[in-house]
Amino acid sequence: MKTAPAQFCRAVTELLEPVRHLGVESYFDDISLLHEEWHHHLHAIKKGLETMGLAGLRFNLRKTEFCKKELLVLGYLVTDEGILPNPTKHQLLRDWPVPQTIKLCNK
C-alpha cells in the first residue's frame, strides 16, 4: 500500500473541511489550531475533536499537545512573535566545524 499515507492525508483534509473556517489545519497526520483569542481556540479544539471522534478516529495522547505557545512545524518554530528557524537546527549549523583544507571544502 504505497499510497496509504496520501490517502490518509486526503481523508483527514476532507474530514476537517467543515471546521477549517475555525482555524483547524492538517498536514499529513498533524492537526494544528492557531488562534489569538483563548475562547476561539477552545471552541476550535472542541469542534475539531468532535469531528474526528464522529469519524471514528482516535488520538495518541502521548503524541498530543494542547494549548502550546510554541509549535515546531516543518523545521520552523511558530510563536506569537512570528515564524522562526528551529533553534536546534540553527545551533547545529552555527556549531558546524569550519573546513581547514580545500579537500574538506569540496565535500
N, C-alpha and C. Protein backbone atom coordinates (compact mmCIF):
# COMPACT_ATOMS: atom_id res chain seq x y z
N MET A 1 0.84 -1.19 0.00
CA MET A 1 0.00 0.00 0.00
C MET A 1 0.88 1.25 0.00
N LYS A 2 1.44 1.55 -1.14
CA LYS A 2 2.32 2.70 -1.25
C LYS A 2 1.57 4.02 -1.16
N THR A 3 0.29 4.01 -1.47
CA THR A 3 -0.48 5.25 -1.48
C THR A 3 -1.23 5.49 -0.18
N ALA A 4 -1.05 4.63 0.81
CA ALA A 4 -1.79 4.77 2.07
C ALA A 4 -1.57 6.12 2.75
N PRO A 5 -0.32 6.63 2.87
CA PRO A 5 -0.15 7.94 3.51
C PRO A 5 -0.87 9.06 2.78
N ALA A 6 -0.82 9.05 1.46
CA ALA A 6 -1.51 10.09 0.69
C ALA A 6 -3.02 9.98 0.85
N GLN A 7 -3.53 8.76 0.88
CA GLN A 7 -4.97 8.57 1.05
C GLN A 7 -5.41 9.02 2.44
N PHE A 8 -4.60 8.73 3.47
CA PHE A 8 -4.93 9.17 4.82
C PHE A 8 -4.93 10.69 4.89
N CYS A 9 -3.91 11.31 4.31
CA CYS A 9 -3.80 12.77 4.31
C CYS A 9 -5.02 13.40 3.64
N ARG A 10 -5.42 12.86 2.49
CA ARG A 10 -6.59 13.37 1.78
C ARG A 10 -7.86 13.18 2.60
N ALA A 11 -7.99 12.02 3.25
CA ALA A 11 -9.18 11.74 4.06
C ALA A 11 -9.29 12.71 5.24
N VAL A 12 -8.17 12.98 5.92
CA VAL A 12 -8.18 13.91 7.06
C VAL A 12 -8.51 15.32 6.57
N THR A 13 -7.93 15.73 5.45
CA THR A 13 -8.20 17.06 4.90
C THR A 13 -9.68 17.21 4.58
N GLU A 14 -10.27 16.22 3.94
CA GLU A 14 -11.69 16.28 3.62
C GLU A 14 -12.55 16.24 4.87
N LEU A 15 -12.15 15.44 5.84
CA LEU A 15 -12.91 15.33 7.09
C LEU A 15 -12.95 16.66 7.84
N LEU A 16 -11.83 17.38 7.83
CA LEU A 16 -11.75 18.63 8.59
C LEU A 16 -12.25 19.85 7.81
N GLU A 17 -12.64 19.66 6.58
CA GLU A 17 -13.11 20.79 5.76
C GLU A 17 -14.23 21.59 6.44
N PRO A 18 -15.22 20.96 7.08
CA PRO A 18 -16.29 21.73 7.72
C PRO A 18 -15.83 22.61 8.89
N VAL A 19 -14.67 22.31 9.48
CA VAL A 19 -14.19 23.11 10.61
C VAL A 19 -12.96 23.94 10.25
N ARG A 20 -12.59 23.94 8.98
CA ARG A 20 -11.42 24.71 8.55
C ARG A 20 -11.59 26.20 8.82
N HIS A 21 -12.82 26.70 8.72
CA HIS A 21 -13.06 28.12 8.99
C HIS A 21 -12.81 28.49 10.46
N LEU A 22 -12.70 27.47 11.32
CA LEU A 22 -12.39 27.70 12.73
C LEU A 22 -10.89 27.71 12.99
N GLY A 23 -10.09 27.58 11.94
CA GLY A 23 -8.64 27.60 12.10
C GLY A 23 -8.03 26.22 12.31
N VAL A 24 -8.78 25.17 11.99
CA VAL A 24 -8.28 23.81 12.13
C VAL A 24 -7.57 23.44 10.83
N GLU A 25 -6.27 23.18 10.90
CA GLU A 25 -5.48 22.86 9.71
C GLU A 25 -4.82 21.49 9.89
N SER A 26 -4.63 20.78 8.80
CA SER A 26 -3.96 19.49 8.88
C SER A 26 -2.83 19.44 7.86
N TYR A 27 -1.79 18.72 8.22
CA TYR A 27 -0.67 18.45 7.32
C TYR A 27 -0.21 17.04 7.62
N PHE A 28 -0.41 16.15 6.67
CA PHE A 28 -0.20 14.72 6.86
C PHE A 28 -0.99 14.26 8.07
N ASP A 29 -0.33 13.81 9.14
CA ASP A 29 -1.08 13.33 10.30
C ASP A 29 -1.03 14.32 11.47
N ASP A 30 -0.63 15.56 11.19
CA ASP A 30 -0.61 16.60 12.22
C ASP A 30 -1.80 17.53 12.05
N ILE A 31 -2.42 17.89 13.15
CA ILE A 31 -3.53 18.83 13.13
C ILE A 31 -3.15 20.00 14.02
N SER A 32 -3.24 21.21 13.48
CA SER A 32 -2.85 22.41 14.22
C SER A 32 -4.01 23.39 14.28
N LEU A 33 -4.09 24.10 15.40
CA LEU A 33 -5.07 25.16 15.59
C LEU A 33 -4.33 26.38 16.11
N LEU A 34 -4.41 27.48 15.41
CA LEU A 34 -3.71 28.69 15.82
C LEU A 34 -4.73 29.82 15.97
N HIS A 35 -4.79 30.38 17.17
CA HIS A 35 -5.73 31.46 17.46
C HIS A 35 -5.11 32.49 18.38
N GLU A 36 -5.56 33.70 18.26
CA GLU A 36 -5.11 34.75 19.17
C GLU A 36 -5.99 34.82 20.41
N GLU A 37 -7.25 34.47 20.28
CA GLU A 37 -8.19 34.53 21.40
C GLU A 37 -8.38 33.14 22.01
N TRP A 38 -8.28 33.07 23.32
CA TRP A 38 -8.37 31.80 24.05
C TRP A 38 -9.71 31.10 23.83
N HIS A 39 -10.82 31.84 23.88
CA HIS A 39 -12.13 31.19 23.73
C HIS A 39 -12.32 30.65 22.31
N HIS A 40 -11.75 31.31 21.30
CA HIS A 40 -11.81 30.78 19.93
C HIS A 40 -11.01 29.48 19.83
N HIS A 41 -9.88 29.45 20.49
CA HIS A 41 -9.03 28.27 20.47
C HIS A 41 -9.75 27.07 21.11
N LEU A 42 -10.36 27.30 22.28
CA LEU A 42 -11.08 26.21 22.95
C LEU A 42 -12.26 25.72 22.12
N HIS A 43 -12.96 26.64 21.47
CA HIS A 43 -14.10 26.26 20.62
C HIS A 43 -13.61 25.40 19.44
N ALA A 44 -12.51 25.80 18.82
CA ALA A 44 -11.97 25.05 17.69
C ALA A 44 -11.48 23.67 18.12
N ILE A 45 -10.86 23.58 19.30
CA ILE A 45 -10.43 22.27 19.82
C ILE A 45 -11.64 21.37 19.98
N LYS A 46 -12.68 21.88 20.59
CA LYS A 46 -13.90 21.09 20.82
C LYS A 46 -14.50 20.60 19.51
N LYS A 47 -14.66 21.51 18.56
CA LYS A 47 -15.27 21.14 17.27
C LYS A 47 -14.38 20.18 16.48
N GLY A 48 -13.07 20.41 16.52
CA GLY A 48 -12.14 19.50 15.83
C GLY A 48 -12.17 18.10 16.41
N LEU A 49 -12.15 18.01 17.74
CA LEU A 49 -12.20 16.69 18.39
C LEU A 49 -13.54 16.00 18.13
N GLU A 50 -14.62 16.76 18.15
CA GLU A 50 -15.94 16.18 17.85
C GLU A 50 -15.97 15.62 16.44
N THR A 51 -15.45 16.39 15.49
CA THR A 51 -15.45 15.96 14.09
C THR A 51 -14.64 14.69 13.91
N MET A 52 -13.45 14.65 14.51
CA MET A 52 -12.60 13.47 14.39
C MET A 52 -13.23 12.27 15.10
N GLY A 53 -13.84 12.51 16.27
CA GLY A 53 -14.47 11.43 17.01
C GLY A 53 -15.65 10.83 16.28
N LEU A 54 -16.46 11.67 15.63
CA LEU A 54 -17.60 11.17 14.87
C LEU A 54 -17.16 10.30 13.70
N ALA A 55 -15.96 10.55 13.19
CA ALA A 55 -15.43 9.74 12.09
C ALA A 55 -14.76 8.47 12.59
N GLY A 56 -14.69 8.31 13.91
CA GLY A 56 -14.09 7.11 14.48
C GLY A 56 -12.58 7.17 14.62
N LEU A 57 -12.00 8.36 14.45
CA LEU A 57 -10.55 8.49 14.60
C LEU A 57 -10.21 8.79 16.05
N ARG A 58 -9.07 8.27 16.49
CA ARG A 58 -8.61 8.47 17.85
C ARG A 58 -7.24 9.12 17.84
N PHE A 59 -6.86 9.69 18.97
CA PHE A 59 -5.57 10.35 19.11
C PHE A 59 -4.68 9.55 20.04
N ASN A 60 -3.39 9.57 19.76
CA ASN A 60 -2.41 9.01 20.67
C ASN A 60 -2.07 10.12 21.66
N LEU A 61 -2.56 10.01 22.89
CA LEU A 61 -2.39 11.09 23.86
C LEU A 61 -0.93 11.38 24.20
N ARG A 62 -0.04 10.37 24.05
CA ARG A 62 1.39 10.63 24.29
C ARG A 62 1.98 11.58 23.25
N LYS A 63 1.38 11.61 22.07
CA LYS A 63 1.87 12.48 20.99
C LYS A 63 1.05 13.75 20.85
N THR A 64 0.06 13.93 21.70
CA THR A 64 -0.86 15.05 21.58
C THR A 64 -0.45 16.17 22.52
N GLU A 65 -0.45 17.39 22.00
CA GLU A 65 -0.13 18.56 22.81
C GLU A 65 -1.24 19.58 22.64
N PHE A 66 -1.68 20.14 23.75
CA PHE A 66 -2.74 21.15 23.72
C PHE A 66 -2.22 22.47 24.28
N CYS A 67 -2.75 23.54 23.74
CA CYS A 67 -2.55 24.89 24.29
C CYS A 67 -1.07 25.24 24.42
N LYS A 68 -0.31 25.02 23.37
CA LYS A 68 1.11 25.35 23.36
C LYS A 68 1.30 26.78 22.85
N LYS A 69 2.28 27.47 23.40
CA LYS A 69 2.59 28.82 22.92
C LYS A 69 3.59 28.79 21.78
N GLU A 70 4.28 27.64 21.62
CA GLU A 70 5.24 27.46 20.54
C GLU A 70 4.97 26.12 19.87
N LEU A 71 5.20 26.07 18.56
CA LEU A 71 4.90 24.87 17.80
C LEU A 71 5.98 24.66 16.75
N LEU A 72 6.59 23.47 16.74
CA LEU A 72 7.57 23.13 15.70
C LEU A 72 6.84 22.54 14.52
N VAL A 73 6.98 23.17 13.36
CA VAL A 73 6.32 22.71 12.15
C VAL A 73 7.31 22.79 11.00
N LEU A 74 7.61 21.65 10.37
CA LEU A 74 8.45 21.59 9.18
C LEU A 74 9.77 22.34 9.35
N GLY A 75 10.40 22.19 10.48
CA GLY A 75 11.70 22.82 10.70
C GLY A 75 11.64 24.28 11.13
N TYR A 76 10.46 24.77 11.42
CA TYR A 76 10.30 26.15 11.89
C TYR A 76 9.62 26.17 13.24
N LEU A 77 9.88 27.22 13.99
CA LEU A 77 9.24 27.42 15.28
C LEU A 77 8.20 28.53 15.11
N VAL A 78 6.94 28.18 15.30
CA VAL A 78 5.85 29.15 15.17
C VAL A 78 5.51 29.65 16.57
N THR A 79 5.62 30.96 16.78
CA THR A 79 5.33 31.57 18.07
C THR A 79 4.41 32.76 17.85
N ASP A 80 4.02 33.39 18.96
CA ASP A 80 3.20 34.59 18.83
C ASP A 80 4.02 35.77 18.30
N GLU A 81 5.35 35.62 18.27
CA GLU A 81 6.22 36.65 17.72
C GLU A 81 6.47 36.46 16.22
N GLY A 82 6.09 35.30 15.68
CA GLY A 82 6.28 35.05 14.26
C GLY A 82 6.83 33.67 14.00
N ILE A 83 7.32 33.46 12.78
CA ILE A 83 7.88 32.18 12.36
C ILE A 83 9.39 32.30 12.35
N LEU A 84 10.05 31.43 13.09
CA LEU A 84 11.50 31.47 13.26
C LEU A 84 12.10 30.13 12.85
N PRO A 85 13.39 30.11 12.48
CA PRO A 85 14.02 28.82 12.23
C PRO A 85 14.08 28.00 13.52
N ASN A 86 14.04 26.69 13.38
CA ASN A 86 14.14 25.80 14.53
C ASN A 86 15.48 26.07 15.23
N PRO A 87 15.45 26.50 16.50
CA PRO A 87 16.69 26.84 17.20
C PRO A 87 17.70 25.70 17.26
N THR A 88 17.23 24.46 17.36
CA THR A 88 18.13 23.32 17.42
C THR A 88 18.91 23.18 16.12
N LYS A 89 18.21 23.28 15.00
CA LYS A 89 18.87 23.18 13.69
C LYS A 89 19.80 24.37 13.47
N HIS A 90 19.35 25.53 13.89
CA HIS A 90 20.14 26.76 13.73
C HIS A 90 21.46 26.62 14.51
N GLN A 91 21.40 26.08 15.71
CA GLN A 91 22.59 25.89 16.54
C GLN A 91 23.53 24.88 15.90
N LEU A 92 23.00 23.82 15.32
CA LEU A 92 23.83 22.82 14.64
C LEU A 92 24.63 23.45 13.51
N LEU A 93 23.99 24.32 12.74
CA LEU A 93 24.69 24.98 11.64
C LEU A 93 25.75 25.94 12.16
N ARG A 94 25.45 26.64 13.25
CA ARG A 94 26.42 27.57 13.82
C ARG A 94 27.64 26.84 14.37
N ASP A 95 27.41 25.64 14.91
CA ASP A 95 28.50 24.87 15.52
C ASP A 95 29.23 23.97 14.52
N TRP A 96 28.80 23.97 13.26
CA TRP A 96 29.42 23.12 12.24
C TRP A 96 30.88 23.51 12.11
N PRO A 97 31.80 22.54 12.09
CA PRO A 97 33.23 22.89 12.01
C PRO A 97 33.59 23.55 10.69
N VAL A 98 34.45 24.53 10.78
CA VAL A 98 34.93 25.24 9.58
C VAL A 98 35.95 24.35 8.89
N PRO A 99 35.78 24.12 7.58
CA PRO A 99 36.76 23.28 6.88
C PRO A 99 38.15 23.92 6.90
N GLN A 100 39.16 23.11 7.13
CA GLN A 100 40.53 23.60 7.25
C GLN A 100 41.37 23.39 5.98
N THR A 101 40.85 22.56 5.06
CA THR A 101 41.58 22.31 3.82
C THR A 101 40.64 22.45 2.64
N ILE A 102 41.22 22.57 1.44
CA ILE A 102 40.40 22.65 0.22
C ILE A 102 39.64 21.35 0.01
N LYS A 103 40.25 20.24 0.32
CA LYS A 103 39.60 18.94 0.17
C LYS A 103 38.33 18.87 1.04
N LEU A 104 38.40 19.36 2.26
CA LEU A 104 37.21 19.38 3.14
C LEU A 104 36.15 20.34 2.61
N CYS A 105 36.58 21.42 1.96
CA CYS A 105 35.62 22.38 1.38
C CYS A 105 34.82 21.75 0.25
N ASN A 106 35.43 20.86 -0.48
CA ASN A 106 34.78 20.23 -1.64
C ASN A 106 33.86 19.10 -1.24
N LYS A 107 33.87 18.67 0.00
CA LYS A 107 32.99 17.58 0.44
C LYS A 107 31.57 18.04 0.57
